[in-house]
N, C-alpha and C. Protein backbone atom coordinates (compact mmCIF):
# COMPACT_ATOMS: atom_id res chain seq x y z
N MET A 1 129.02 37.16 249.24
CA MET A 1 129.52 36.69 250.34
C MET A 1 128.76 37.44 251.77
N HIS A 2 128.02 38.12 251.63
CA HIS A 2 127.36 38.71 252.58
C HIS A 2 126.47 37.91 253.16
N ILE A 3 127.12 36.95 253.98
CA ILE A 3 126.23 35.96 254.75
C ILE A 3 125.73 36.86 256.11
N SER A 4 124.17 36.26 256.05
CA SER A 4 123.90 36.89 257.24
C SER A 4 123.77 36.67 258.46
N GLU A 5 123.68 37.62 259.44
CA GLU A 5 124.04 37.26 260.59
C GLU A 5 123.00 36.40 261.30
N GLY A 6 123.99 35.79 262.67
CA GLY A 6 123.33 34.57 262.86
C GLY A 6 122.75 33.41 262.11
N LEU A 7 123.30 33.32 260.73
CA LEU A 7 122.90 31.99 260.42
C LEU A 7 123.82 31.11 260.35
N LEU A 8 125.39 31.35 260.35
CA LEU A 8 125.72 29.89 260.87
C LEU A 8 125.93 29.80 262.53
N PRO A 9 126.15 27.97 262.51
CA PRO A 9 126.26 27.94 263.96
C PRO A 9 127.52 28.43 264.26
N PRO A 10 127.58 28.86 265.94
CA PRO A 10 128.56 29.65 266.59
C PRO A 10 129.90 28.57 266.36
N ALA A 11 129.99 27.37 266.51
CA ALA A 11 130.81 26.63 266.17
C ALA A 11 131.66 26.69 264.57
N TRP A 12 130.96 27.20 263.58
CA TRP A 12 131.19 27.08 262.58
C TRP A 12 131.80 28.83 262.04
N ALA A 13 130.87 29.47 262.61
CA ALA A 13 131.48 31.11 262.75
C ALA A 13 132.92 30.90 263.11
N ALA A 14 133.07 30.61 264.52
CA ALA A 14 133.74 30.81 265.16
C ALA A 14 135.26 29.93 264.14
N SER A 15 135.14 28.97 263.50
CA SER A 15 136.31 28.75 262.83
C SER A 15 136.52 29.34 261.86
N TRP A 16 135.34 29.66 260.95
CA TRP A 16 136.01 30.39 259.76
C TRP A 16 136.46 32.12 260.36
N PHE A 17 136.59 32.68 261.83
CA PHE A 17 137.10 33.65 262.32
C PHE A 17 138.72 32.98 262.13
N GLY A 18 139.00 32.05 262.91
CA GLY A 18 140.21 31.19 263.17
C GLY A 18 140.72 31.21 261.38
N ALA A 19 140.14 30.42 260.51
CA ALA A 19 140.57 30.32 259.42
C ALA A 19 141.32 31.78 258.63
N ALA A 20 140.20 33.07 258.97
CA ALA A 20 140.91 34.02 258.04
C ALA A 20 142.00 34.53 258.95
N ALA A 21 142.19 34.65 260.38
CA ALA A 21 142.39 35.64 261.14
C ALA A 21 144.36 35.34 260.54
N PRO A 22 145.09 34.09 260.35
CA PRO A 22 146.40 34.51 259.75
C PRO A 22 146.71 35.03 258.75
N PHE A 23 145.67 35.03 257.49
CA PHE A 23 145.79 36.15 256.39
C PHE A 23 145.70 37.66 257.05
N LEU A 24 144.61 37.63 257.73
CA LEU A 24 144.76 39.36 258.30
C LEU A 24 146.13 39.79 258.64
N TYR A 25 146.61 38.86 259.68
CA TYR A 25 147.95 39.39 260.39
C TYR A 25 149.10 39.26 259.56
N ALA A 26 149.09 38.53 258.41
CA ALA A 26 150.03 38.69 257.11
C ALA A 26 149.91 40.04 256.31
N GLY A 27 148.63 40.54 256.46
CA GLY A 27 148.11 40.98 255.60
C GLY A 27 148.73 42.56 256.15
N LEU A 28 148.49 42.48 257.40
CA LEU A 28 148.34 43.91 258.22
C LEU A 28 150.27 43.89 258.07
N ARG A 29 150.91 43.10 258.42
CA ARG A 29 152.54 42.85 258.63
C ARG A 29 152.66 43.61 256.86
N ARG A 30 152.46 42.82 255.92
CA ARG A 30 153.11 43.37 254.43
C ARG A 30 152.58 44.82 254.55
N ILE A 31 151.41 45.19 254.46
CA ILE A 31 150.79 46.56 254.52
C ILE A 31 151.83 47.80 255.21
N GLU A 32 152.16 47.29 256.84
CA GLU A 32 153.19 48.36 257.51
C GLU A 32 154.33 48.52 256.58
N ARG A 33 154.99 46.78 255.93
CA ARG A 33 156.45 46.99 255.23
C ARG A 33 155.91 47.82 254.15
N ARG A 34 155.35 47.75 253.56
CA ARG A 34 155.40 48.47 252.57
C ARG A 34 155.60 49.69 252.44
N TRP A 35 154.48 50.41 253.18
CA TRP A 35 154.06 51.66 253.79
C TRP A 35 155.60 52.09 254.29
N ARG A 36 156.58 51.46 254.62
CA ARG A 36 157.78 51.91 255.56
C ARG A 36 158.55 52.05 253.62
N GLU A 37 158.36 51.22 253.17
CA GLU A 37 159.15 51.09 251.88
C GLU A 37 159.01 52.12 250.84
N ASP A 38 157.66 52.18 250.57
CA ASP A 38 157.10 53.25 249.47
C ASP A 38 156.03 54.02 250.15
N PRO A 39 156.00 55.40 250.40
CA PRO A 39 155.42 56.61 250.77
C PRO A 39 153.90 56.85 250.06
N SER A 40 154.36 56.27 248.81
CA SER A 40 153.37 56.24 247.36
C SER A 40 151.81 55.11 247.80
N TYR A 41 152.73 54.06 248.41
CA TYR A 41 151.63 52.84 248.69
C TYR A 41 150.47 53.47 249.77
N LYS A 42 150.32 54.61 250.76
CA LYS A 42 149.54 54.83 251.78
C LYS A 42 148.24 55.38 250.66
N PRO A 43 148.71 56.04 250.08
CA PRO A 43 147.04 56.43 248.97
C PRO A 43 146.46 55.53 248.65
N MET A 44 147.22 54.23 247.91
CA MET A 44 147.17 53.16 246.78
C MET A 44 146.31 52.87 247.98
N VAL A 45 146.69 52.11 249.23
CA VAL A 45 145.63 51.70 249.79
C VAL A 45 144.51 52.05 250.28
N GLY A 46 144.38 53.61 250.59
CA GLY A 46 143.24 54.02 250.69
C GLY A 46 142.20 54.30 249.55
N LEU A 47 142.59 54.08 248.34
CA LEU A 47 142.08 54.02 247.33
C LEU A 47 141.58 52.75 246.81
N MET A 48 142.20 51.95 246.99
CA MET A 48 141.38 50.40 246.61
C MET A 48 140.90 49.77 247.74
N GLY A 49 140.61 50.08 249.61
CA GLY A 49 140.20 49.74 249.94
C GLY A 49 138.56 50.73 250.07
N ALA A 50 138.72 52.21 249.00
CA ALA A 50 137.33 52.25 248.45
C ALA A 50 136.46 51.95 247.87
N ALA A 51 137.35 51.37 246.80
CA ALA A 51 136.45 50.76 245.70
C ALA A 51 136.54 49.40 246.16
N VAL A 52 137.00 48.83 246.80
CA VAL A 52 136.30 47.50 247.09
C VAL A 52 134.85 47.62 247.75
N PHE A 53 134.96 48.54 248.91
CA PHE A 53 133.79 49.22 249.93
C PHE A 53 132.71 49.40 248.94
N VAL A 54 132.65 50.14 247.70
CA VAL A 54 131.81 50.65 246.66
C VAL A 54 131.63 49.45 245.61
N ILE A 55 132.41 48.63 245.31
CA ILE A 55 132.13 47.67 244.37
C ILE A 55 131.04 46.70 245.01
N SER A 56 131.53 45.98 246.18
CA SER A 56 130.94 45.35 247.16
C SER A 56 129.73 45.61 247.59
N LEU A 57 129.14 46.47 247.26
CA LEU A 57 128.00 47.11 248.33
C LEU A 57 126.67 47.87 247.00
N LEU A 58 126.95 46.57 246.01
CA LEU A 58 125.81 46.64 245.55
C LEU A 58 124.89 45.10 245.08
N PRO A 59 124.08 45.01 245.99
CA PRO A 59 123.73 43.63 246.18
C PRO A 59 122.14 43.42 245.43
N ILE A 60 122.51 42.23 245.20
CA ILE A 60 121.43 41.47 244.47
C ILE A 60 120.84 40.29 245.34
N PRO A 61 119.77 40.37 245.96
CA PRO A 61 119.15 39.52 247.26
C PRO A 61 119.16 37.92 246.22
N VAL A 62 119.82 37.07 246.86
CA VAL A 62 119.18 35.32 246.89
C VAL A 62 118.59 34.84 247.89
N PRO A 63 117.60 35.11 247.99
CA PRO A 63 116.51 34.69 249.65
C PRO A 63 116.83 33.24 249.94
N ILE A 64 116.86 32.12 248.77
CA ILE A 64 116.86 31.14 249.59
C ILE A 64 118.22 30.84 250.00
N VAL A 65 118.97 31.61 249.98
CA VAL A 65 120.27 31.30 250.72
C VAL A 65 120.90 32.06 252.04
N GLY A 66 120.30 33.33 252.03
CA GLY A 66 120.29 34.22 252.98
C GLY A 66 121.57 35.07 252.55
N THR A 67 121.71 35.05 251.72
CA THR A 67 122.97 35.85 251.11
C THR A 67 122.65 36.92 250.06
N CYS A 68 123.76 37.69 249.46
CA CYS A 68 123.52 38.18 248.08
C CYS A 68 124.72 37.96 247.30
N SER A 69 123.84 38.19 245.77
CA SER A 69 124.71 38.27 244.41
C SER A 69 125.43 39.53 244.26
N HIS A 70 126.60 39.75 244.21
CA HIS A 70 127.20 41.49 243.80
C HIS A 70 128.52 41.08 243.51
N PRO A 71 129.05 42.14 242.84
CA PRO A 71 130.73 42.18 242.63
C PRO A 71 131.51 41.80 243.99
N CYS A 72 132.88 42.14 243.78
CA CYS A 72 133.22 41.50 245.08
C CYS A 72 134.61 42.58 244.72
N GLY A 73 135.23 43.25 244.22
CA GLY A 73 136.41 44.52 244.58
C GLY A 73 137.55 43.88 244.66
N THR A 74 137.86 42.58 245.39
CA THR A 74 138.88 42.15 245.75
C THR A 74 140.04 41.57 244.80
N PRO A 75 139.71 41.05 243.82
CA PRO A 75 140.47 40.58 242.67
C PRO A 75 141.47 41.76 242.06
N LEU A 76 140.64 42.97 242.23
CA LEU A 76 141.49 44.32 241.70
C LEU A 76 142.16 44.42 242.81
N ALA A 77 142.05 44.65 243.79
CA ALA A 77 143.07 45.10 244.59
C ALA A 77 143.72 44.21 245.23
N ALA A 78 143.67 42.88 244.97
CA ALA A 78 144.78 41.93 244.88
C ALA A 78 145.81 42.56 243.81
N ILE A 79 145.33 42.29 242.33
CA ILE A 79 146.29 42.79 241.30
C ILE A 79 147.30 44.09 241.91
N LEU A 80 146.38 44.99 242.09
CA LEU A 80 147.62 46.15 242.75
C LEU A 80 148.34 46.15 243.71
N LEU A 81 148.10 45.35 244.73
CA LEU A 81 148.30 45.75 245.87
C LEU A 81 148.78 44.19 246.63
N GLY A 82 148.63 43.39 245.88
CA GLY A 82 148.42 41.55 246.77
C GLY A 82 147.46 41.09 247.31
N PRO A 83 147.40 39.96 247.25
CA PRO A 83 146.39 39.27 248.27
C PRO A 83 146.43 39.43 249.40
N LEU A 84 147.52 39.48 250.31
CA LEU A 84 147.33 39.72 251.93
C LEU A 84 147.15 41.23 252.32
N ALA A 85 147.49 42.06 251.30
CA ALA A 85 147.11 43.49 251.75
C ALA A 85 145.41 43.49 251.38
N SER A 86 144.78 42.75 249.94
CA SER A 86 143.32 42.87 249.51
C SER A 86 142.64 42.37 250.84
N SER A 87 143.36 40.99 251.48
CA SER A 87 142.35 40.77 252.04
C SER A 87 142.17 41.28 253.60
N VAL A 88 142.94 42.36 253.80
CA VAL A 88 142.91 43.57 254.90
C VAL A 88 141.79 44.39 254.64
N LEU A 89 142.05 44.54 252.89
CA LEU A 89 140.95 45.73 252.80
C LEU A 89 139.12 45.40 252.98
N ALA A 90 139.32 43.99 252.68
CA ALA A 90 138.19 43.49 252.45
C ALA A 90 137.47 43.57 253.90
N SER A 91 138.62 43.13 254.63
CA SER A 91 137.88 42.51 256.38
C SER A 91 137.13 44.07 256.57
N VAL A 92 137.84 45.22 256.34
CA VAL A 92 137.10 46.67 256.16
C VAL A 92 135.94 46.95 255.78
N ALA A 93 136.04 46.78 254.52
CA ALA A 93 134.92 46.88 253.89
C ALA A 93 133.35 46.02 255.00
N LEU A 94 134.00 44.98 254.77
CA LEU A 94 132.79 43.72 255.52
C LEU A 94 132.57 44.27 256.85
N LEU A 95 133.53 44.54 257.40
CA LEU A 95 132.89 45.14 258.62
C LEU A 95 131.96 46.49 259.15
N LEU A 96 132.26 47.92 258.03
CA LEU A 96 131.64 49.00 257.77
C LEU A 96 130.48 48.22 257.53
N GLN A 97 130.01 47.55 256.52
CA GLN A 97 128.93 47.27 255.71
C GLN A 97 128.27 46.61 256.89
N ALA A 98 128.65 45.20 257.85
CA ALA A 98 127.71 44.85 258.91
C ALA A 98 127.44 45.78 259.83
N LEU A 99 128.38 46.74 259.99
CA LEU A 99 127.94 48.04 261.02
C LEU A 99 126.92 48.60 261.00
N PHE A 100 127.31 49.58 259.77
CA PHE A 100 126.28 50.44 259.27
C PHE A 100 125.30 50.02 258.03
N LEU A 101 125.38 49.25 256.99
CA LEU A 101 124.49 48.94 256.39
C LEU A 101 123.73 47.33 256.35
N ALA A 102 123.98 46.86 257.18
CA ALA A 102 123.33 45.20 257.78
C ALA A 102 123.41 44.71 256.26
N HIS A 103 124.90 44.58 255.80
CA HIS A 103 125.25 44.10 255.05
C HIS A 103 125.97 42.99 255.35
N GLY A 104 125.62 41.52 255.67
CA GLY A 104 126.25 40.65 256.13
C GLY A 104 126.46 40.66 257.60
N GLY A 105 127.25 39.94 258.42
CA GLY A 105 127.01 40.20 260.14
C GLY A 105 128.07 40.66 261.09
N LEU A 106 128.03 40.49 262.19
CA LEU A 106 129.22 40.52 262.77
C LEU A 106 129.58 38.64 263.10
N SER A 107 128.87 38.10 263.60
CA SER A 107 129.29 36.86 263.86
C SER A 107 129.57 36.20 262.53
N THR A 108 129.04 36.52 261.39
CA THR A 108 129.43 35.84 260.29
C THR A 108 130.82 36.33 259.25
N TRP A 109 131.34 37.54 260.48
CA TRP A 109 132.55 38.21 259.61
C TRP A 109 133.77 37.33 258.99
N GLY A 110 133.94 36.79 260.27
CA GLY A 110 134.85 35.95 259.56
C GLY A 110 134.32 35.04 258.33
N ALA A 111 133.72 34.27 258.26
CA ALA A 111 133.27 33.69 256.74
C ALA A 111 133.44 34.62 255.51
N ASN A 112 132.83 35.89 255.69
CA ASN A 112 132.71 36.78 254.85
C ASN A 112 134.28 37.03 254.43
N ILE A 113 134.87 37.23 255.39
CA ILE A 113 136.54 37.67 255.13
C ILE A 113 137.38 36.64 254.65
N LEU A 114 136.61 35.31 254.76
CA LEU A 114 137.52 34.36 254.13
C LEU A 114 136.85 33.97 252.37
N SER A 115 135.69 33.90 252.42
CA SER A 115 135.26 33.79 250.70
C SER A 115 135.73 34.81 249.92
N MET A 116 135.23 36.47 250.57
CA MET A 116 135.59 37.67 249.69
C MET A 116 136.96 38.02 249.45
N GLY A 117 137.60 38.06 251.22
CA GLY A 117 138.84 38.90 251.41
C GLY A 117 139.72 37.63 250.64
N VAL A 118 140.04 36.24 251.31
CA VAL A 118 140.98 35.64 251.06
C VAL A 118 140.90 34.56 249.54
N VAL A 119 139.80 34.34 249.64
CA VAL A 119 139.62 33.05 248.11
C VAL A 119 139.54 33.82 247.25
N GLY A 120 138.56 34.94 247.47
CA GLY A 120 138.48 35.75 246.17
C GLY A 120 139.72 36.66 245.69
N SER A 121 140.75 37.21 246.81
CA SER A 121 142.02 37.75 246.22
C SER A 121 142.84 37.02 245.99
N PHE A 122 143.29 35.82 246.52
CA PHE A 122 143.99 34.64 246.01
C PHE A 122 143.91 34.07 244.56
N VAL A 123 142.99 33.82 244.58
CA VAL A 123 142.12 33.05 243.19
C VAL A 123 142.63 34.26 242.11
N GLY A 124 142.01 35.47 242.42
CA GLY A 124 142.00 36.59 241.53
C GLY A 124 143.54 36.94 240.91
N TYR A 125 144.57 36.81 242.18
CA TYR A 125 145.80 37.17 241.75
C TYR A 125 146.43 36.15 241.37
N GLY A 126 146.29 34.57 241.76
CA GLY A 126 146.81 33.63 240.75
C GLY A 126 146.44 33.87 239.41
N ALA A 127 145.30 34.11 239.15
CA ALA A 127 144.59 34.20 237.81
C ALA A 127 145.42 34.97 236.86
N TRP A 128 145.42 36.13 237.55
CA TRP A 128 146.15 37.46 237.12
C TRP A 128 147.56 37.03 236.20
N ARG A 129 148.35 36.43 237.40
CA ARG A 129 149.82 36.21 237.52
C ARG A 129 149.86 35.14 236.57
N LEU A 130 148.96 33.97 236.53
CA LEU A 130 149.25 33.08 235.14
C LEU A 130 148.99 33.40 233.74
N SER A 131 147.86 33.79 234.03
CA SER A 131 147.60 34.97 232.61
C SER A 131 148.66 35.78 231.84
N ARG A 132 149.17 36.35 232.83
CA ARG A 132 150.19 37.05 232.27
C ARG A 132 151.72 36.62 231.89
N ARG A 133 151.82 35.37 232.85
CA ARG A 133 153.01 34.67 232.55
C ARG A 133 152.84 33.53 231.26
N ILE A 134 151.37 33.48 230.75
CA ILE A 134 151.42 33.05 229.55
C ILE A 134 151.37 33.91 228.03
N GLY A 135 151.35 35.07 228.59
CA GLY A 135 151.35 35.83 227.53
C GLY A 135 150.22 36.62 227.41
N GLY A 136 149.03 36.93 228.22
CA GLY A 136 147.74 37.13 228.55
C GLY A 136 148.33 38.64 228.32
N SER A 137 147.24 39.74 227.84
CA SER A 137 147.39 40.99 227.52
C SER A 137 146.60 41.50 229.15
N LEU A 138 146.77 42.79 229.45
CA LEU A 138 146.69 43.33 230.71
C LEU A 138 145.17 43.30 230.81
N PHE A 139 144.44 43.56 229.82
CA PHE A 139 142.96 42.98 229.65
C PHE A 139 142.80 41.96 229.73
N ILE A 140 143.29 41.10 229.58
CA ILE A 140 142.64 39.44 229.25
C ILE A 140 142.97 38.79 230.73
N SER A 141 144.12 39.27 231.06
CA SER A 141 144.47 38.99 232.12
C SER A 141 143.49 39.88 233.67
N ALA A 142 143.48 40.94 233.64
CA ALA A 142 142.20 41.72 234.40
C ALA A 142 141.00 41.18 234.32
N PHE A 143 140.49 40.59 232.96
CA PHE A 143 139.52 40.07 233.16
C PHE A 143 139.46 38.55 233.58
N VAL A 144 140.27 38.03 233.49
CA VAL A 144 140.35 36.63 233.85
C VAL A 144 140.23 36.83 235.31
N ALA A 145 141.17 37.51 236.02
CA ALA A 145 140.95 37.84 237.49
C ALA A 145 140.09 37.96 237.86
N GLY A 146 139.21 39.31 237.48
CA GLY A 146 137.76 39.33 237.76
C GLY A 146 136.69 38.15 237.77
N LEU A 147 137.09 37.69 236.67
CA LEU A 147 135.72 36.74 236.45
C LEU A 147 136.23 35.40 237.57
N LEU A 148 137.63 34.75 237.83
CA LEU A 148 137.28 33.57 238.35
C LEU A 148 137.41 34.02 239.88
N GLY A 149 138.08 35.32 240.13
CA GLY A 149 138.08 35.91 241.70
C GLY A 149 136.72 35.79 241.74
N ASP A 150 135.49 36.19 241.45
CA ASP A 150 134.29 36.53 241.70
C ASP A 150 133.60 35.25 241.76
N TRP A 151 133.79 34.47 241.03
CA TRP A 151 132.97 32.85 241.18
C TRP A 151 133.76 32.24 242.44
N ALA A 152 135.25 32.14 242.21
CA ALA A 152 135.77 31.06 243.32
C ALA A 152 135.31 32.16 244.73
N THR A 153 134.95 33.26 244.90
CA THR A 153 134.52 33.52 246.23
C THR A 153 132.87 33.32 246.50
N TYR A 154 132.04 32.96 245.22
CA TYR A 154 130.72 32.34 245.61
C TYR A 154 130.67 30.95 245.57
N ALA A 155 131.50 30.73 245.34
CA ALA A 155 131.87 29.03 245.58
C ALA A 155 132.33 28.41 246.99
N ALA A 156 133.10 29.59 247.52
CA ALA A 156 133.54 29.65 248.75
C ALA A 156 132.35 29.74 249.81
N THR A 157 131.64 30.91 249.62
CA THR A 157 130.86 31.13 250.37
C THR A 157 129.58 29.94 249.99
N ALA A 158 129.35 29.05 249.16
CA ALA A 158 128.40 28.65 248.71
C ALA A 158 128.74 27.07 249.54
N LEU A 159 130.15 27.09 249.84
CA LEU A 159 130.71 25.84 250.68
C LEU A 159 130.48 25.88 252.12
N ILE A 160 130.51 27.33 252.62
CA ILE A 160 130.51 27.47 254.01
C ILE A 160 129.01 27.28 254.45
N LEU A 161 128.25 28.35 253.26
CA LEU A 161 126.64 27.92 253.58
C LEU A 161 126.66 26.51 253.91
N ALA A 162 126.89 25.42 253.08
CA ALA A 162 126.43 24.09 253.15
C ALA A 162 127.07 22.99 254.41
N LEU A 163 128.40 23.78 254.78
CA LEU A 163 129.02 22.90 255.78
C LEU A 163 128.02 23.32 257.02
N GLY A 164 127.53 24.87 257.28
CA GLY A 164 127.12 25.19 258.09
C GLY A 164 125.27 24.58 258.66
N ILE A 165 124.71 24.82 257.46
CA ILE A 165 123.71 24.34 257.46
C ILE A 165 122.96 23.73 256.56
N HIS A 166 123.64 22.78 256.52
CA HIS A 166 122.85 21.65 255.33
C HIS A 166 121.81 20.89 256.38
N GLY A 167 121.89 20.53 257.77
CA GLY A 167 120.98 20.20 258.02
C GLY A 167 121.04 18.80 258.10
N GLY A 168 119.81 17.88 257.42
CA GLY A 168 120.19 16.53 257.72
C GLY A 168 120.26 15.96 256.46
N HIS A 169 120.77 17.17 255.20
CA HIS A 169 120.88 16.77 253.71
C HIS A 169 122.57 16.50 253.93
N PRO A 170 122.83 15.60 252.65
CA PRO A 170 124.79 15.59 252.60
C PRO A 170 125.27 16.91 251.91
N PRO A 171 126.06 17.40 253.13
CA PRO A 171 126.91 18.69 252.74
C PRO A 171 127.18 19.42 251.11
N VAL A 172 127.59 17.73 250.56
CA VAL A 172 127.81 17.87 249.04
C VAL A 172 126.81 18.59 248.35
N GLY A 173 125.44 17.85 248.55
CA GLY A 173 124.16 18.34 247.87
C GLY A 173 123.80 19.73 248.26
N ALA A 174 124.05 19.82 249.32
CA ALA A 174 123.59 21.40 249.72
C ALA A 174 124.79 22.01 249.44
N PHE A 175 125.93 22.08 248.61
CA PHE A 175 126.71 22.89 248.18
C PHE A 175 126.19 22.79 247.09
N PHE A 176 126.01 21.82 245.91
CA PHE A 176 125.54 22.11 244.83
C PHE A 176 124.10 23.10 244.35
N THR A 177 123.30 23.08 245.57
CA THR A 177 121.72 23.51 245.37
C THR A 177 122.30 25.03 245.42
N ILE A 178 123.44 25.37 246.56
CA ILE A 178 123.70 26.75 246.58
C ILE A 178 124.15 27.10 245.85
N LEU A 179 125.19 26.76 245.28
CA LEU A 179 125.72 27.00 243.70
C LEU A 179 125.18 27.62 243.08
N LEU A 180 124.28 26.40 242.60
CA LEU A 180 122.97 26.53 241.24
C LEU A 180 122.43 27.98 241.52
N ALA A 181 121.84 27.95 243.20
CA ALA A 181 121.10 29.30 243.57
C ALA A 181 121.61 30.57 242.91
N PHE A 182 122.70 30.70 243.22
CA PHE A 182 123.72 31.66 242.55
C PHE A 182 123.93 32.24 241.25
N ALA A 183 124.03 31.06 240.38
CA ALA A 183 124.63 31.04 239.39
C ALA A 183 123.75 31.99 238.17
N PRO A 184 122.14 32.40 238.27
CA PRO A 184 121.62 32.97 237.32
C PRO A 184 122.14 34.16 237.67
N THR A 185 122.56 34.76 238.95
CA THR A 185 122.79 35.94 238.99
C THR A 185 124.56 36.41 239.00
N GLN A 186 125.24 35.24 239.69
CA GLN A 186 126.59 35.31 239.73
C GLN A 186 127.25 35.14 238.37
N ILE A 187 126.66 34.38 237.54
CA ILE A 187 127.78 34.04 236.21
C ILE A 187 127.97 35.51 235.38
N PRO A 188 126.57 35.96 235.12
CA PRO A 188 127.07 37.17 234.80
C PRO A 188 127.81 38.66 235.21
N LEU A 189 127.18 38.38 236.55
CA LEU A 189 128.06 39.58 237.24
C LEU A 189 129.51 38.94 237.06
N GLY A 190 129.97 37.91 237.13
CA GLY A 190 131.63 37.66 237.38
C GLY A 190 132.11 38.25 235.94
N ALA A 191 131.56 38.08 234.57
CA ALA A 191 131.82 38.36 233.47
C ALA A 191 131.90 39.80 233.64
N LEU A 192 130.73 40.77 233.86
CA LEU A 192 131.01 42.17 233.87
C LEU A 192 132.25 42.79 234.84
N GLU A 193 132.07 41.55 235.94
CA GLU A 193 133.44 42.46 236.98
C GLU A 193 134.75 41.97 235.98
N GLY A 194 135.07 41.38 235.73
CA GLY A 194 135.96 41.16 234.82
C GLY A 194 136.17 41.97 233.79
N ILE A 195 135.50 42.40 232.70
CA ILE A 195 135.41 43.55 232.06
C ILE A 195 135.61 44.82 232.66
N LEU A 196 135.09 45.20 233.71
CA LEU A 196 135.46 46.34 234.73
C LEU A 196 136.83 46.43 234.85
N TYR A 197 137.26 45.18 235.54
CA TYR A 197 138.93 45.34 235.78
C TYR A 197 139.43 45.52 234.46
N GLY A 198 139.45 44.82 233.42
CA GLY A 198 139.70 44.61 232.54
C GLY A 198 140.26 46.41 231.48
N LEU A 199 138.59 47.20 231.91
CA LEU A 199 138.80 48.41 231.34
C LEU A 199 139.44 49.26 232.50
N MET A 200 139.57 49.25 233.43
CA MET A 200 140.44 49.62 234.43
C MET A 200 141.78 49.92 234.66
N VAL A 201 142.13 48.90 234.04
CA VAL A 201 143.45 48.11 233.96
C VAL A 201 144.42 48.99 232.81
N ARG A 202 143.32 48.89 231.63
CA ARG A 202 143.57 49.28 230.74
C ARG A 202 144.05 51.12 230.51
N TYR A 203 143.24 51.44 231.27
CA TYR A 203 142.89 53.15 231.55
C TYR A 203 144.29 52.90 231.92
N LEU A 204 144.31 52.54 233.04
CA LEU A 204 146.19 52.96 233.89
C LEU A 204 147.00 52.66 232.97
N GLU A 205 146.91 51.80 231.92
CA GLU A 205 148.32 51.69 231.16
C GLU A 205 148.67 52.85 230.17
N ARG A 206 147.35 53.41 229.74
CA ARG A 206 147.18 54.35 228.95
C ARG A 206 147.40 56.13 229.84
N ALA A 207 146.61 55.99 230.93
CA ALA A 207 146.80 57.21 231.44
C ALA A 207 147.69 57.40 232.70
N ARG A 208 148.52 56.46 233.03
CA ARG A 208 149.12 56.49 234.34
C ARG A 208 150.22 55.28 234.42
N PRO A 209 151.02 55.12 233.25
CA PRO A 209 151.80 53.79 233.35
C PRO A 209 152.66 53.79 234.12
N GLU A 210 153.38 54.51 234.74
CA GLU A 210 154.11 54.76 235.91
C GLU A 210 153.65 53.98 237.22
N LEU A 211 152.05 54.49 237.47
CA LEU A 211 151.33 53.35 238.56
C LEU A 211 151.90 51.71 238.34
N LEU A 212 151.82 51.40 237.05
CA LEU A 212 151.60 49.74 236.71
C LEU A 212 152.88 49.44 237.06
N GLN A 213 154.15 50.11 236.78
CA GLN A 213 155.43 50.01 236.76
C GLN A 213 155.98 49.90 238.14
N ARG A 214 155.24 50.52 238.96
CA ARG A 214 155.61 50.89 240.63
C ARG A 214 155.40 49.81 241.27
N PHE A 215 154.07 49.58 240.84
CA PHE A 215 153.52 47.88 241.28
C PHE A 215 153.72 46.61 240.82
N GLY A 216 154.58 46.79 239.53
CA GLY A 216 155.53 45.54 239.07
C GLY A 216 154.25 45.11 237.99
N LEU A 217 153.53 45.77 238.07
CA LEU A 217 152.23 44.96 237.11
C LEU A 217 153.06 44.94 235.42
N VAL A 218 153.85 46.02 235.38
CA VAL A 218 154.76 45.87 233.72
C VAL A 218 155.97 46.39 233.73
N GLU A 219 156.73 45.30 233.06
CA GLU A 219 157.96 45.85 233.14
C GLU A 219 158.28 47.27 232.72
N VAL A 220 159.60 47.63 233.47
CA VAL A 220 159.99 49.00 233.06
C VAL A 220 160.78 48.93 231.99
N GLU A 221 160.47 49.70 230.49
CA GLU A 221 161.33 49.62 229.85
C GLU A 221 162.44 50.63 229.66
N GLY A 222 163.46 50.03 228.89
CA GLY A 222 164.99 50.82 228.92
C GLY A 222 165.90 50.20 229.03
């Protein structure tokens, strides 16, 4: 999701800022409301913000499309805090990475927020909820959330790039070409990200089950 600085035409770059803005506004309102209701929410937001920053800071370059493959971190944040809050955390992580580490760019910030923050969070959260609803274990549900959230992020990135830089080629063909360029690295990375989330959630179940209960991930017994 780290689309390089200046890669997108200005009109497309601006449109992705516009698409991401409502989610960021709703996410900020959501975080503010939860902070007032539950003081323990604040350290969790800080912890997950750091996790998203670190997890998404492990790039594997994909030279022909001007971006990188790497884990996302946002599906895990969405599981624990909700997809709107996760979108905000992604925006902060991506801004810091663009400013200080040359990962992504400022002109492409909106596009990167949309792919990693919005799409990755909502797809991961939806996969988690659906898996839990049909009886999936915590490990399996977190695995599916990480896998699909990761892959959806890169499908969204491929679509954004195809629409912006397809040149004289049909956007559909450009989309599948870019998607195939991601496949060798992102298919296994998505699986590894899913396994990581599954292990982390299972650890929380054993070591800190009250956290899972507090954030509504498991039912309170009794």
